[in-house]
Protein backbone atom coordinates (compact mmCIF):
# COMPACT_ATOMS: atom_id res chain seq x y z
CA MET A 1 -7.34 -7.39 7.76
CA GLN A 2 -9.44 -6.58 10.80
CA ILE A 3 -7.67 -4.90 13.72
CA SER A 4 -9.41 -4.92 17.08
CA GLY A 5 -8.73 -2.36 19.79
CA ASP A 6 -6.61 -4.77 21.84
CA VAL A 7 -4.23 -5.70 19.03
CA LYS A 8 -0.69 -4.48 19.65
CA PRO A 9 1.33 -2.86 16.88
CA GLU A 10 3.99 -5.57 17.07
CA ASP A 11 1.33 -8.21 16.38
CA ILE A 12 0.32 -6.60 13.10
CA ARG A 13 1.68 -8.02 9.84
CA PRO A 14 0.58 -6.35 6.62
CA ASP A 15 -0.78 -8.35 3.74
CA ASP A 16 2.13 -7.34 1.52
CA ALA A 17 4.61 -9.02 3.90
CA LYS A 18 3.87 -12.44 2.40
CA PRO A 19 6.74 -14.68 1.31
CA GLY A 20 8.31 -13.59 -1.95
CA ARG A 21 7.05 -10.00 -1.68
CA ARG A 22 8.77 -6.85 -0.47
CA VAL A 23 8.06 -6.09 3.21
CA ALA A 24 6.08 -2.88 3.49
CA CYS A 25 8.46 -1.19 5.91
CA HIS A 26 11.20 -1.45 3.29
CA ASP A 27 9.19 0.48 0.70
CA PRO A 28 10.41 4.11 0.69
CA ALA A 29 7.44 5.26 -1.41
CA LYS A 30 4.97 3.96 1.16
CA ARG A 31 6.95 5.54 4.02
CA ALA A 32 6.99 8.87 2.15
CA GLN A 33 3.22 8.59 1.56
CA ILE A 34 2.62 8.15 5.29
CA LEU A 35 4.93 11.01 6.21
CA GLU A 36 3.21 13.36 3.74
CA GLY A 37 -0.19 12.44 5.17
CA ALA A 38 1.09 12.92 8.71
CA LYS A 39 2.54 16.30 7.81
CA ARG A 40 -0.79 17.52 6.47
CA CYS A 41 -2.56 16.14 9.51
CA PHE A 42 -0.21 17.72 12.05
CA MET A 43 -0.31 21.07 10.28
CA GLN A 44 -4.11 21.06 10.20
CA LEU A 45 -4.85 19.67 13.67
CA GLY A 46 -1.67 20.07 15.69
CA PHE A 47 0.32 17.29 17.33
CA GLU A 48 -1.92 16.83 20.37
CA ALA A 49 -5.21 16.72 18.46
CA ALA A 50 -4.05 14.53 15.58
CA SER A 51 -4.67 10.83 16.13
CA MET A 52 -3.24 7.79 14.39
CA ASN A 53 -6.71 7.26 12.88
CA ASP A 54 -6.59 10.78 11.44
CA ILE A 55 -3.17 10.06 9.96
CA THR A 56 -4.24 6.78 8.36
CA THR A 57 -7.17 8.56 6.73
CA GLU A 58 -5.06 11.46 5.47
CA ALA A 59 -2.27 9.17 4.25
CA GLY A 60 -4.65 6.67 2.63
CA VAL A 61 -3.25 3.60 4.38
CA SER A 62 -4.58 1.05 6.85
CA LYS A 63 -3.76 1.24 10.53
CA GLY A 64 -1.96 -2.08 10.20
CA THR A 65 0.37 -0.65 7.55
CA LEU A 66 0.93 2.51 9.60
CA TYR A 67 2.08 0.52 12.64
CA VAL A 68 4.48 -1.51 10.54
CA TYR A 69 6.35 1.70 9.72
CA PHE A 70 5.94 3.66 12.96
CA LYS A 71 5.39 2.41 16.49
CA ASP A 72 3.40 5.47 17.63
CA LYS A 73 2.58 9.10 16.85
CA GLU A 74 5.72 10.40 18.56
CA ASP A 75 7.92 8.08 16.49
CA LEU A 76 6.26 9.34 13.32
CA PHE A 77 6.58 12.97 14.36
CA LYS A 78 10.30 12.58 15.11
CA GLU A 79 11.00 11.07 11.70
CA LEU A 80 9.00 13.83 10.04
CA ILE A 81 11.15 16.40 11.86
CA ASP A 82 14.33 14.69 10.66
CA ARG A 83 13.08 14.53 7.07
CA GLU A 84 11.97 18.17 6.90
CA LYS A 85 15.07 19.45 8.65
CA SER A 86 17.34 17.49 6.34
CA ALA A 87 15.57 18.85 3.26
CA VAL A 88 15.78 22.47 4.45
CA MET A 89 19.41 22.25 5.52
CA GLY A 90 20.38 20.43 2.33
CA ALA A 91 18.94 23.30 0.29
CA ALA A 92 20.69 25.84 2.52
CA LEU A 93 24.03 24.09 2.02
CA LYS A 94 23.61 24.33 -1.75
CA GLU A 95 23.31 28.11 -1.41
CA LEU A 96 26.75 28.22 0.23
CA GLU A 97 28.24 25.94 -2.39
CA LYS A 98 27.25 28.12 -5.34
CA PRO A 99 30.14 30.13 -6.82
CA GLY A 100 30.66 33.64 -5.51
CA THR A 101 32.39 35.81 -2.94
CA ILE A 102 31.98 35.15 0.77
CA ALA A 103 29.56 38.08 0.93
CA GLU A 104 27.45 36.68 -1.92
CA GLN A 105 27.40 33.17 -0.44
CA LEU A 106 26.44 34.42 3.01
CA HIS A 107 23.75 36.61 1.48
CA ARG A 108 22.19 33.66 -0.34
CA PHE A 109 22.47 31.40 2.70
CA GLY A 110 21.04 33.98 5.10
CA THR A 111 18.19 34.86 2.77
CA TYR A 112 17.20 31.23 2.27
CA VAL A 113 17.39 30.28 5.95
CA THR A 114 15.52 33.38 7.11
CA SER A 115 12.83 32.99 4.44
CA ARG A 116 12.32 29.32 5.26
CA LEU A 117 12.44 29.54 9.06
CA THR A 118 9.98 32.44 9.11
CA SER A 119 7.57 30.94 6.58
CA ASP A 120 3.99 30.23 7.70
CA GLU A 121 4.57 26.47 7.59
CA VAL A 122 7.73 26.44 9.70
CA ILE A 123 6.41 29.00 12.18
CA ARG A 124 3.35 26.77 12.78
CA ALA A 125 5.63 23.77 13.22
CA GLN A 126 7.83 25.61 15.72
CA ARG A 127 4.84 26.72 17.77
CA MET A 128 3.57 23.15 17.75
CA VAL A 129 6.86 21.81 19.08
CA LEU A 130 7.11 24.54 21.72
CA GLY A 131 3.62 23.62 22.87
CA ILE A 132 4.68 20.06 23.71
CA SER A 133 8.26 20.81 24.78
CA GLU A 134 7.69 20.42 28.54
CA ARG A 135 5.91 17.09 28.19
CA MET A 136 8.15 15.80 25.38
CA PRO A 137 11.51 17.57 25.72
CA GLU A 138 13.25 15.05 23.46
CA VAL A 139 11.07 16.16 20.56
CA ALA A 140 11.97 19.82 21.13
CA THR A 141 15.65 18.87 21.33
CA ARG A 142 15.37 17.03 18.03
CA PHE A 143 13.66 19.97 16.39
CA PHE A 144 15.73 22.85 17.77
CA GLY A 145 18.93 21.05 18.78
CA SER A 146 22.21 21.34 16.94
CA ASP A 147 23.58 17.83 17.43
CA SER A 148 22.51 16.88 13.91
CA PHE A 149 22.29 18.62 10.55
CA SER A 150 21.66 22.32 11.35
CA ALA A 151 22.25 25.78 9.92
CA HIS A 152 24.86 26.78 12.47
CA LEU A 153 26.89 23.60 11.91
CA ILE A 154 26.85 24.17 8.15
CA LEU A 155 28.12 27.70 8.71
CA ARG A 156 30.73 26.59 11.23
CA ASP A 157 32.25 24.17 8.71
CA TYR A 158 32.11 26.87 6.02
CA PHE A 159 33.90 29.34 8.31
CA ASN A 160 36.56 26.79 9.24
CA ALA A 161 37.39 26.29 5.56
CA HIS A 162 37.74 30.03 4.99
CA ILE A 163 39.77 30.49 8.17
CA ALA A 164 42.19 27.89 6.88
CA ALA A 165 42.39 29.76 3.58
CA GLY A 166 43.14 33.02 5.41
CA GLU A 167 39.93 34.68 4.19
CA LEU A 168 38.22 35.01 7.57
CA VAL A 169 39.65 35.85 10.98
CA MET A 170 37.88 34.30 13.97
CA ASP A 171 38.88 32.21 16.96
CA GLU A 172 35.39 30.86 17.73
CA PRO A 173 33.73 29.80 14.46
CA ASP A 174 30.89 28.06 16.30
CA LEU A 175 29.95 31.28 18.08
CA ALA A 176 30.40 33.27 14.88
CA ALA A 177 27.98 30.95 13.06
CA ARG A 178 25.33 31.54 15.72
CA GLN A 179 25.96 35.28 15.59
CA PHE A 180 25.48 35.43 11.83
CA LEU A 181 22.16 33.59 12.03
CA GLU A 182 20.93 35.97 14.73
CA LEU A 183 21.95 38.95 12.61
CA ALA A 184 20.33 37.53 9.46
CA MET A 185 17.00 36.99 11.22
CA ALA A 186 17.11 40.12 13.39
CA SER A 187 13.77 41.93 13.67
CA ILE A 188 12.01 39.08 11.81
CA PHE A 189 12.26 35.65 13.44
CA LYS A 190 11.14 36.32 17.02
CA ARG A 191 8.44 38.75 15.91
CA ARG A 192 7.09 36.10 13.52
CA LEU A 193 7.26 33.33 16.13
CA PHE A 194 5.43 35.31 18.80
CA GLY A 195 2.80 36.83 16.50
CA ASN A 196 4.00 40.42 16.26
CA LEU A 197 4.38 39.90 12.52
CA PRO A 198 1.30 37.89 11.54
CA ASP A 199 2.12 37.85 7.83
CA GLN A 200 5.09 36.37 6.03
CA VAL A 201 7.79 38.98 5.44
CA PRO A 202 8.33 39.96 1.76
CA LEU A 203 11.56 38.74 0.20
CA PRO A 204 12.96 42.26 -0.48
CA GLU A 205 12.69 43.08 3.23
CA ILE A 206 14.43 39.83 4.20
CA GLU A 207 17.21 40.58 1.72
CA ARG A 208 17.62 44.09 3.16
CA VAL A 209 18.06 42.69 6.67
CA VAL A 210 20.47 39.99 5.46
CA ASP A 211 22.54 42.55 3.51
CA LYS A 212 23.03 44.54 6.72
CA ALA A 213 23.92 41.32 8.56
CA VAL A 214 26.58 40.38 6.00
CA ASP A 215 28.11 43.87 6.06
CA MET A 216 28.25 43.95 9.84
CA PHE A 217 29.57 40.40 10.10
CA LEU A 218 32.36 40.79 7.56
CA SER A 219 33.41 44.18 8.93
CA TYR A 220 34.40 42.30 12.09
CA TYR A 221 35.39 38.82 10.88
CA GLY A 222 36.57 39.59 7.36
CA LYS A 223 40.24 39.63 6.46
CA LYS A 224 41.68 43.06 7.29
CA PRO A 225 43.90 44.89 4.77
CA ALA A 226 47.59 44.63 5.54
């Protein structure tokens, strides 16, 4: 299928959208293939430099197929953010759900979140989003905002359950969730983001920082002896 420069995305119909065959945009495998290609492309070139042509090449699909799934580069980038964020937060939630004491669960959660959010891949992604935040504030809100699945909301719900059980004492669980995350990433996150720590922090060092965070947090919010 030949696509000229003046063809609009809404005019494109892929070959596999023929009667009796599954429409391409309903194929999750094809969508995942495009998102994986886009992820590699954005990480290599950055959002501004990456073009839809670059993405089609990296994903191994035609431009016609790409536009059936995504209307433009921003649309693709937003869905990629949602997918990656959901995967990370889903894994973080599992750390809280594993059996153990509150201290053990918070340690696992804090270690996972800090390790992931300060990894080379996520640091590059955050810098990319910050670089376009003034021109595309809705993308930055989607990436950094808390109105969807996020670490602080997972913690807030976790704290609410333990408050109800009488195991934690706090009157502002939302604030407490944000405080714990700041403590768990103290001395690591901002230094990684702004280049003061050019290399990924070893896991033992992350665990040391998180251990201190858990101790400090529970000394204030933990249930006090009668």
